[in-house]
Amino acid sequence: MNKREKAESLFKEGYNCAQSVILAFSDELPLDEDTLAKLASSFGAGMGRLREVCGAVSSIFMIEGLLNGYISPNDDKAKAEHYRHIQELAEAFKEKNQTIICRELLGLKDGPSDYIPCKRTENYYAERPCTKFVGDAAEIIEKMILK
């Protein structure tokens, strides 16, 4: 199973979009699965259902940070290089989906949703393209890691 398929499968199990992407890469990251799931738990539904940056996109940023992030606050070169990578990842997602903003991806009105998550039903998966976004994000970061 490739990373796209794994992320999509995790999403269909009930993990949020951010958790699904980061957990698909758990075997390549320096944290255990429980820690990764907790770390990403706040980013689902565009950051806690605020419908801001898509959780799948947030996870590709977290993965990039865990694998290639900078640690020194004074290393301007490393910081700039890292931010360049983050912007490349965002642009790759935008090329596939036109935006990285959750509410725009879902065609929702401005503003946050209530804080209560939707029940995962067959209808939910049929109406929401989130599975595709999770797959796209996993595919993008997998390609970036392999290059």
N, C-alpha and C. Protein backbone atom coordinates (compact mmCIF):
# COMPACT_ATOMS: atom_id res chain seq x y z
N MET A 1 0.85 -1.18 0.00
CA MET A 1 0.00 0.00 0.00
C MET A 1 0.90 1.24 0.00
N ASN A 2 0.66 2.15 -0.95
CA ASN A 2 1.46 3.37 -0.98
C ASN A 2 0.92 4.37 0.06
N LYS A 3 1.61 5.49 0.22
CA LYS A 3 1.26 6.46 1.25
C LYS A 3 -0.12 7.08 0.99
N ARG A 4 -0.46 7.33 -0.26
CA ARG A 4 -1.78 7.87 -0.59
C ARG A 4 -2.87 6.92 -0.12
N GLU A 5 -2.73 5.66 -0.47
CA GLU A 5 -3.72 4.66 -0.09
C GLU A 5 -3.80 4.52 1.43
N LYS A 6 -2.65 4.56 2.09
CA LYS A 6 -2.63 4.43 3.54
C LYS A 6 -3.34 5.62 4.20
N ALA A 7 -3.04 6.83 3.73
CA ALA A 7 -3.68 8.03 4.29
C ALA A 7 -5.19 8.00 4.07
N GLU A 8 -5.61 7.62 2.88
CA GLU A 8 -7.04 7.54 2.57
C GLU A 8 -7.72 6.49 3.45
N SER A 9 -7.06 5.37 3.65
CA SER A 9 -7.59 4.31 4.48
C SER A 9 -7.74 4.77 5.94
N LEU A 10 -6.74 5.46 6.44
CA LEU A 10 -6.79 5.98 7.81
C LEU A 10 -7.93 6.99 7.96
N PHE A 11 -8.13 7.82 6.95
CA PHE A 11 -9.23 8.79 6.99
C PHE A 11 -10.57 8.06 7.06
N LYS A 12 -10.70 7.01 6.27
CA LYS A 12 -11.95 6.24 6.26
C LYS A 12 -12.16 5.46 7.56
N GLU A 13 -11.09 5.25 8.32
CA GLU A 13 -11.21 4.62 9.64
C GLU A 13 -11.76 5.60 10.68
N GLY A 14 -11.69 6.91 10.36
CA GLY A 14 -12.21 7.91 11.28
C GLY A 14 -11.20 8.92 11.78
N TYR A 15 -9.93 8.75 11.43
CA TYR A 15 -8.95 9.77 11.80
C TYR A 15 -9.26 11.06 11.05
N ASN A 16 -8.91 12.20 11.65
CA ASN A 16 -9.14 13.45 10.92
C ASN A 16 -8.12 13.57 9.79
N CYS A 17 -8.29 14.57 8.96
CA CYS A 17 -7.44 14.72 7.76
C CYS A 17 -5.97 14.87 8.13
N ALA A 18 -5.68 15.65 9.15
CA ALA A 18 -4.29 15.86 9.56
C ALA A 18 -3.68 14.57 10.12
N GLN A 19 -4.42 13.89 10.96
CA GLN A 19 -3.94 12.63 11.53
C GLN A 19 -3.70 11.59 10.45
N SER A 20 -4.60 11.53 9.48
CA SER A 20 -4.50 10.52 8.42
C SER A 20 -3.21 10.66 7.63
N VAL A 21 -2.85 11.89 7.31
CA VAL A 21 -1.63 12.11 6.53
C VAL A 21 -0.39 11.83 7.37
N ILE A 22 -0.33 12.39 8.56
CA ILE A 22 0.90 12.21 9.35
C ILE A 22 1.08 10.75 9.76
N LEU A 23 0.00 10.05 10.07
CA LEU A 23 0.12 8.64 10.46
C LEU A 23 0.51 7.75 9.29
N ALA A 24 0.20 8.15 8.09
CA ALA A 24 0.63 7.39 6.92
C ALA A 24 2.16 7.37 6.80
N PHE A 25 2.80 8.32 7.43
CA PHE A 25 4.27 8.44 7.39
C PHE A 25 4.92 8.07 8.72
N SER A 26 4.17 7.45 9.61
CA SER A 26 4.68 7.18 10.96
C SER A 26 5.96 6.35 10.95
N ASP A 27 6.10 5.49 9.97
CA ASP A 27 7.31 4.65 9.90
C ASP A 27 8.55 5.44 9.50
N GLU A 28 8.38 6.67 9.06
CA GLU A 28 9.51 7.49 8.64
C GLU A 28 9.77 8.68 9.57
N LEU A 29 8.96 8.80 10.60
CA LEU A 29 9.04 9.96 11.48
C LEU A 29 9.62 9.58 12.85
N PRO A 30 10.25 10.54 13.54
CA PRO A 30 10.94 10.24 14.79
C PRO A 30 10.05 10.23 16.04
N LEU A 31 8.72 10.11 15.85
CA LEU A 31 7.80 10.06 16.98
C LEU A 31 6.91 8.83 16.86
N ASP A 32 6.40 8.36 17.99
CA ASP A 32 5.52 7.19 17.95
C ASP A 32 4.12 7.60 17.44
N GLU A 33 3.32 6.62 17.06
CA GLU A 33 2.01 6.88 16.46
C GLU A 33 1.06 7.64 17.39
N ASP A 34 1.06 7.31 18.67
CA ASP A 34 0.18 8.02 19.59
C ASP A 34 0.54 9.50 19.66
N THR A 35 1.82 9.80 19.72
CA THR A 35 2.27 11.19 19.78
C THR A 35 1.92 11.91 18.48
N LEU A 36 2.13 11.25 17.35
CA LEU A 36 1.78 11.86 16.06
C LEU A 36 0.28 12.13 15.97
N ALA A 37 -0.53 11.18 16.41
CA ALA A 37 -1.99 11.36 16.37
C ALA A 37 -2.42 12.53 17.26
N LYS A 38 -1.81 12.63 18.44
CA LYS A 38 -2.13 13.76 19.33
C LYS A 38 -1.67 15.08 18.73
N LEU A 39 -0.45 15.09 18.19
CA LEU A 39 0.09 16.30 17.59
C LEU A 39 -0.83 16.82 16.49
N ALA A 40 -1.32 15.93 15.65
CA ALA A 40 -2.15 16.34 14.50
C ALA A 40 -3.62 16.51 14.85
N SER A 41 -4.04 16.08 16.04
CA SER A 41 -5.46 16.08 16.37
C SER A 41 -6.10 17.47 16.33
N SER A 42 -5.36 18.51 16.63
CA SER A 42 -5.90 19.87 16.65
C SER A 42 -6.06 20.48 15.27
N PHE A 43 -5.47 19.87 14.25
CA PHE A 43 -5.42 20.47 12.93
C PHE A 43 -6.52 19.98 11.99
N GLY A 44 -7.33 19.02 12.42
CA GLY A 44 -8.40 18.50 11.58
C GLY A 44 -9.45 19.56 11.28
N ALA A 45 -10.09 19.42 10.11
CA ALA A 45 -11.17 20.32 9.69
C ALA A 45 -10.71 21.78 9.66
N GLY A 46 -9.51 21.96 9.16
CA GLY A 46 -8.99 23.32 9.03
C GLY A 46 -8.68 23.95 10.37
N MET A 47 -8.05 23.19 11.26
CA MET A 47 -7.65 23.62 12.60
C MET A 47 -8.85 23.69 13.53
N GLY A 48 -9.24 22.54 14.04
CA GLY A 48 -10.32 22.47 15.01
C GLY A 48 -11.66 22.94 14.50
N ARG A 49 -11.96 22.62 13.24
CA ARG A 49 -13.20 23.02 12.56
C ARG A 49 -13.33 24.53 12.39
N LEU A 50 -12.21 25.23 12.40
CA LEU A 50 -12.22 26.66 12.07
C LEU A 50 -12.30 26.87 10.56
N ARG A 51 -12.00 25.80 9.80
CA ARG A 51 -12.06 25.82 8.34
C ARG A 51 -11.02 26.76 7.74
N GLU A 52 -9.88 26.81 8.37
CA GLU A 52 -8.76 27.60 7.87
C GLU A 52 -7.87 26.69 7.01
N VAL A 53 -6.57 26.61 7.27
CA VAL A 53 -5.69 25.77 6.45
C VAL A 53 -6.11 24.31 6.60
N CYS A 54 -6.28 23.64 5.48
CA CYS A 54 -6.67 22.23 5.45
C CYS A 54 -5.73 21.41 6.34
N GLY A 55 -6.32 20.52 7.14
CA GLY A 55 -5.52 19.68 8.03
C GLY A 55 -4.53 18.80 7.29
N ALA A 56 -4.91 18.32 6.11
CA ALA A 56 -3.99 17.50 5.32
C ALA A 56 -2.75 18.30 4.94
N VAL A 57 -2.95 19.57 4.61
CA VAL A 57 -1.84 20.45 4.27
C VAL A 57 -1.00 20.74 5.51
N SER A 58 -1.65 21.00 6.63
CA SER A 58 -0.91 21.22 7.88
C SER A 58 -0.01 20.04 8.19
N SER A 59 -0.50 18.84 7.92
CA SER A 59 0.32 17.65 8.19
C SER A 59 1.54 17.55 7.28
N ILE A 60 1.39 17.93 6.03
CA ILE A 60 2.59 17.86 5.19
C ILE A 60 3.63 18.86 5.67
N PHE A 61 3.17 19.97 6.24
CA PHE A 61 4.11 20.93 6.83
C PHE A 61 4.77 20.33 8.07
N MET A 62 3.98 19.64 8.90
CA MET A 62 4.55 19.01 10.10
C MET A 62 5.56 17.93 9.72
N ILE A 63 5.23 17.14 8.72
CA ILE A 63 6.15 16.08 8.27
C ILE A 63 7.45 16.69 7.78
N GLU A 64 7.35 17.72 6.97
CA GLU A 64 8.55 18.40 6.48
C GLU A 64 9.37 18.94 7.65
N GLY A 65 8.70 19.51 8.63
CA GLY A 65 9.41 20.03 9.80
C GLY A 65 10.10 18.94 10.59
N LEU A 66 9.41 17.83 10.81
CA LEU A 66 10.01 16.73 11.56
C LEU A 66 11.20 16.12 10.84
N LEU A 67 11.14 16.08 9.53
CA LEU A 67 12.23 15.47 8.76
C LEU A 67 13.35 16.45 8.41
N ASN A 68 12.99 17.70 8.15
CA ASN A 68 13.99 18.64 7.61
C ASN A 68 13.94 20.02 8.24
N GLY A 69 13.25 20.17 9.34
CA GLY A 69 13.11 21.49 9.95
C GLY A 69 14.40 22.02 10.53
N TYR A 70 14.39 23.30 10.82
CA TYR A 70 15.56 23.93 11.44
C TYR A 70 15.35 23.96 12.95
N ILE A 71 16.45 24.08 13.69
CA ILE A 71 16.33 24.11 15.15
C ILE A 71 16.92 25.38 15.77
N SER A 72 17.84 26.01 15.09
CA SER A 72 18.48 27.21 15.65
C SER A 72 17.69 28.46 15.24
N PRO A 73 17.27 29.27 16.21
CA PRO A 73 16.53 30.48 15.87
C PRO A 73 17.38 31.52 15.14
N ASN A 74 18.69 31.33 15.15
CA ASN A 74 19.59 32.29 14.51
C ASN A 74 20.10 31.83 13.16
N ASP A 75 19.68 30.67 12.71
CA ASP A 75 20.13 30.15 11.42
C ASP A 75 19.18 30.61 10.32
N ASP A 76 19.38 31.84 9.89
CA ASP A 76 18.49 32.44 8.89
C ASP A 76 18.50 31.69 7.57
N LYS A 77 19.64 31.12 7.21
CA LYS A 77 19.73 30.37 5.96
C LYS A 77 18.86 29.11 6.04
N ALA A 78 18.96 28.37 7.13
CA ALA A 78 18.16 27.15 7.29
C ALA A 78 16.68 27.49 7.36
N LYS A 79 16.35 28.57 8.06
CA LYS A 79 14.96 28.99 8.18
C LYS A 79 14.39 29.34 6.82
N ALA A 80 15.14 30.10 6.04
CA ALA A 80 14.68 30.49 4.70
C ALA A 80 14.51 29.26 3.80
N GLU A 81 15.44 28.34 3.87
CA GLU A 81 15.36 27.12 3.06
C GLU A 81 14.14 26.29 3.46
N HIS A 82 13.90 26.19 4.75
CA HIS A 82 12.73 25.45 5.22
C HIS A 82 11.43 26.11 4.74
N TYR A 83 11.33 27.39 4.88
CA TYR A 83 10.13 28.11 4.43
C TYR A 83 9.94 27.98 2.92
N ARG A 84 11.03 27.92 2.19
CA ARG A 84 10.93 27.70 0.74
C ARG A 84 10.29 26.34 0.47
N HIS A 85 10.70 25.33 1.20
CA HIS A 85 10.12 23.99 1.03
C HIS A 85 8.64 23.99 1.39
N ILE A 86 8.29 24.69 2.47
CA ILE A 86 6.88 24.76 2.88
C ILE A 86 6.05 25.43 1.78
N GLN A 87 6.56 26.50 1.21
CA GLN A 87 5.82 27.18 0.14
C GLN A 87 5.72 26.31 -1.11
N GLU A 88 6.74 25.52 -1.39
CA GLU A 88 6.67 24.59 -2.53
C GLU A 88 5.60 23.53 -2.30
N LEU A 89 5.52 23.02 -1.06
CA LEU A 89 4.50 22.03 -0.73
C LEU A 89 3.10 22.62 -0.87
N ALA A 90 2.92 23.83 -0.37
CA ALA A 90 1.63 24.52 -0.49
C ALA A 90 1.27 24.73 -1.96
N GLU A 91 2.23 25.13 -2.74
CA GLU A 91 1.97 25.38 -4.16
C GLU A 91 1.61 24.08 -4.88
N ALA A 92 2.26 22.99 -4.53
CA ALA A 92 1.94 21.70 -5.15
C ALA A 92 0.51 21.30 -4.83
N PHE A 93 0.06 21.54 -3.60
CA PHE A 93 -1.32 21.23 -3.24
C PHE A 93 -2.29 22.16 -3.98
N LYS A 94 -1.93 23.44 -4.07
CA LYS A 94 -2.78 24.40 -4.80
C LYS A 94 -2.90 24.03 -6.27
N GLU A 95 -1.82 23.53 -6.87
CA GLU A 95 -1.88 23.13 -8.28
C GLU A 95 -2.93 22.06 -8.51
N LYS A 96 -3.11 21.19 -7.53
CA LYS A 96 -4.11 20.12 -7.65
C LYS A 96 -5.51 20.57 -7.25
N ASN A 97 -5.59 21.52 -6.31
CA ASN A 97 -6.88 21.83 -5.67
C ASN A 97 -7.23 23.31 -5.59
N GLN A 98 -6.45 24.19 -6.18
CA GLN A 98 -6.67 25.62 -6.27
C GLN A 98 -6.51 26.41 -4.96
N THR A 99 -6.51 25.76 -3.80
CA THR A 99 -6.40 26.46 -2.53
C THR A 99 -5.91 25.49 -1.46
N ILE A 100 -5.46 26.06 -0.34
CA ILE A 100 -5.12 25.24 0.82
C ILE A 100 -6.09 25.50 1.97
N ILE A 101 -7.11 26.30 1.74
CA ILE A 101 -8.08 26.69 2.77
C ILE A 101 -9.25 25.71 2.80
N CYS A 102 -9.48 25.12 3.94
CA CYS A 102 -10.50 24.09 4.11
C CYS A 102 -11.87 24.53 3.59
N ARG A 103 -12.38 25.67 4.05
CA ARG A 103 -13.73 26.08 3.65
C ARG A 103 -13.84 26.31 2.15
N GLU A 104 -12.76 26.76 1.52
CA GLU A 104 -12.78 26.95 0.07
C GLU A 104 -12.76 25.60 -0.63
N LEU A 105 -11.99 24.66 -0.11
CA LEU A 105 -11.96 23.31 -0.68
C LEU A 105 -13.33 22.65 -0.62
N LEU A 106 -14.07 22.93 0.45
CA LEU A 106 -15.37 22.30 0.67
C LEU A 106 -16.55 23.14 0.18
N GLY A 107 -16.26 24.36 -0.32
CA GLY A 107 -17.33 25.22 -0.79
C GLY A 107 -18.24 25.71 0.33
N LEU A 108 -17.67 25.97 1.50
CA LEU A 108 -18.44 26.43 2.66
C LEU A 108 -18.37 27.94 2.78
N LYS A 109 -19.32 28.51 3.51
CA LYS A 109 -19.31 29.95 3.76
C LYS A 109 -18.17 30.31 4.71
N ASP A 110 -17.88 31.59 4.79
CA ASP A 110 -16.81 32.05 5.67
C ASP A 110 -17.12 31.76 7.13
N GLY A 111 -16.08 31.61 7.89
CA GLY A 111 -16.22 31.42 9.32
C GLY A 111 -16.12 29.97 9.73
N PRO A 112 -15.93 29.77 11.03
CA PRO A 112 -15.77 28.40 11.53
C PRO A 112 -17.09 27.64 11.54
N SER A 113 -16.98 26.34 11.54
CA SER A 113 -18.13 25.47 11.78
C SER A 113 -18.27 25.35 13.29
N ASP A 114 -19.35 24.77 13.76
CA ASP A 114 -19.40 24.51 15.19
C ASP A 114 -18.31 23.49 15.52
N TYR A 115 -18.07 23.28 16.76
CA TYR A 115 -16.95 22.44 17.17
C TYR A 115 -17.26 20.94 17.15
N ILE A 116 -18.48 20.58 16.89
CA ILE A 116 -18.86 19.17 16.93
C ILE A 116 -18.60 18.52 15.57
N PRO A 117 -17.75 17.49 15.54
CA PRO A 117 -17.43 16.85 14.26
C PRO A 117 -18.63 16.11 13.67
N CYS A 118 -18.65 16.01 12.36
CA CYS A 118 -19.70 15.28 11.66
C CYS A 118 -19.51 13.78 11.86
N LYS A 119 -20.62 13.08 11.92
CA LYS A 119 -20.55 11.63 11.98
C LYS A 119 -20.06 11.10 10.64
N ARG A 120 -19.20 10.11 10.68
CA ARG A 120 -18.66 9.51 9.47
C ARG A 120 -19.62 8.44 8.96
N THR A 121 -20.36 8.77 7.96
CA THR A 121 -21.30 7.85 7.34
C THR A 121 -20.94 7.71 5.86
N GLU A 122 -21.59 6.80 5.18
CA GLU A 122 -21.38 6.67 3.73
C GLU A 122 -21.72 7.98 3.04
N ASN A 123 -22.77 8.64 3.49
CA ASN A 123 -23.17 9.91 2.91
C ASN A 123 -22.09 10.99 3.12
N TYR A 124 -21.49 10.99 4.30
CA TYR A 124 -20.40 11.93 4.59
C TYR A 124 -19.29 11.78 3.56
N TYR A 125 -18.85 10.55 3.36
CA TYR A 125 -17.75 10.30 2.42
C TYR A 125 -18.16 10.60 0.98
N ALA A 126 -19.42 10.40 0.65
CA ALA A 126 -19.91 10.68 -0.71
C ALA A 126 -19.97 12.18 -0.99
N GLU A 127 -20.30 12.97 0.04
CA GLU A 127 -20.46 14.42 -0.15
C GLU A 127 -19.17 15.21 0.03
N ARG A 128 -18.23 14.69 0.78
CA ARG A 128 -17.01 15.42 1.10
C ARG A 128 -15.83 14.89 0.30
N PRO A 129 -15.10 15.77 -0.36
CA PRO A 129 -13.92 15.32 -1.11
C PRO A 129 -12.66 15.20 -0.24
N CYS A 130 -12.82 15.16 1.07
CA CYS A 130 -11.67 15.15 1.97
C CYS A 130 -10.75 13.96 1.75
N THR A 131 -11.32 12.81 1.40
CA THR A 131 -10.48 11.64 1.16
C THR A 131 -9.48 11.94 0.04
N LYS A 132 -9.94 12.61 -1.01
CA LYS A 132 -9.05 12.99 -2.12
C LYS A 132 -7.96 13.95 -1.63
N PHE A 133 -8.33 14.93 -0.81
CA PHE A 133 -7.35 15.90 -0.33
C PHE A 133 -6.29 15.23 0.54
N VAL A 134 -6.71 14.31 1.37
CA VAL A 134 -5.79 13.54 2.20
C VAL A 134 -4.83 12.76 1.30
N GLY A 135 -5.36 12.12 0.28
CA GLY A 135 -4.53 11.37 -0.66
C GLY A 135 -3.56 12.27 -1.42
N ASP A 136 -4.07 13.42 -1.87
CA ASP A 136 -3.21 14.37 -2.58
C ASP A 136 -2.05 14.82 -1.70
N ALA A 137 -2.35 15.15 -0.45
CA ALA A 137 -1.31 15.62 0.47
C ALA A 137 -0.26 14.54 0.70
N ALA A 138 -0.71 13.31 0.90
CA ALA A 138 0.24 12.21 1.12
C ALA A 138 1.11 11.99 -0.11
N GLU A 139 0.51 12.06 -1.27
CA GLU A 139 1.25 11.87 -2.52
C GLU A 139 2.29 12.97 -2.70
N ILE A 140 1.92 14.20 -2.38
CA ILE A 140 2.83 15.34 -2.53
C ILE A 140 4.04 15.19 -1.61
N ILE A 141 3.82 14.92 -0.35
CA ILE A 141 4.96 14.82 0.57
C ILE A 141 5.79 13.58 0.28
N GLU A 142 5.16 12.51 -0.17
CA GLU A 142 5.92 11.31 -0.53
C GLU A 142 6.87 11.62 -1.69
N LYS A 143 6.39 12.33 -2.70
CA LYS A 143 7.25 12.71 -3.83
C LYS A 143 8.38 13.62 -3.39
N MET A 144 8.09 14.54 -2.47
CA MET A 144 9.12 15.47 -2.02
C MET A 144 10.19 14.73 -1.19
N ILE A 145 9.76 13.77 -0.41
CA ILE A 145 10.71 12.99 0.41
C ILE A 145 11.61 12.15 -0.48
N LEU A 146 11.03 11.58 -1.54
CA LEU A 146 11.79 10.70 -2.40
C LEU A 146 12.74 11.42 -3.36
N LYS A 147 12.55 12.76 -3.52
CA LYS A 147 13.43 13.43 -4.49
C LYS A 147 14.77 13.82 -3.90
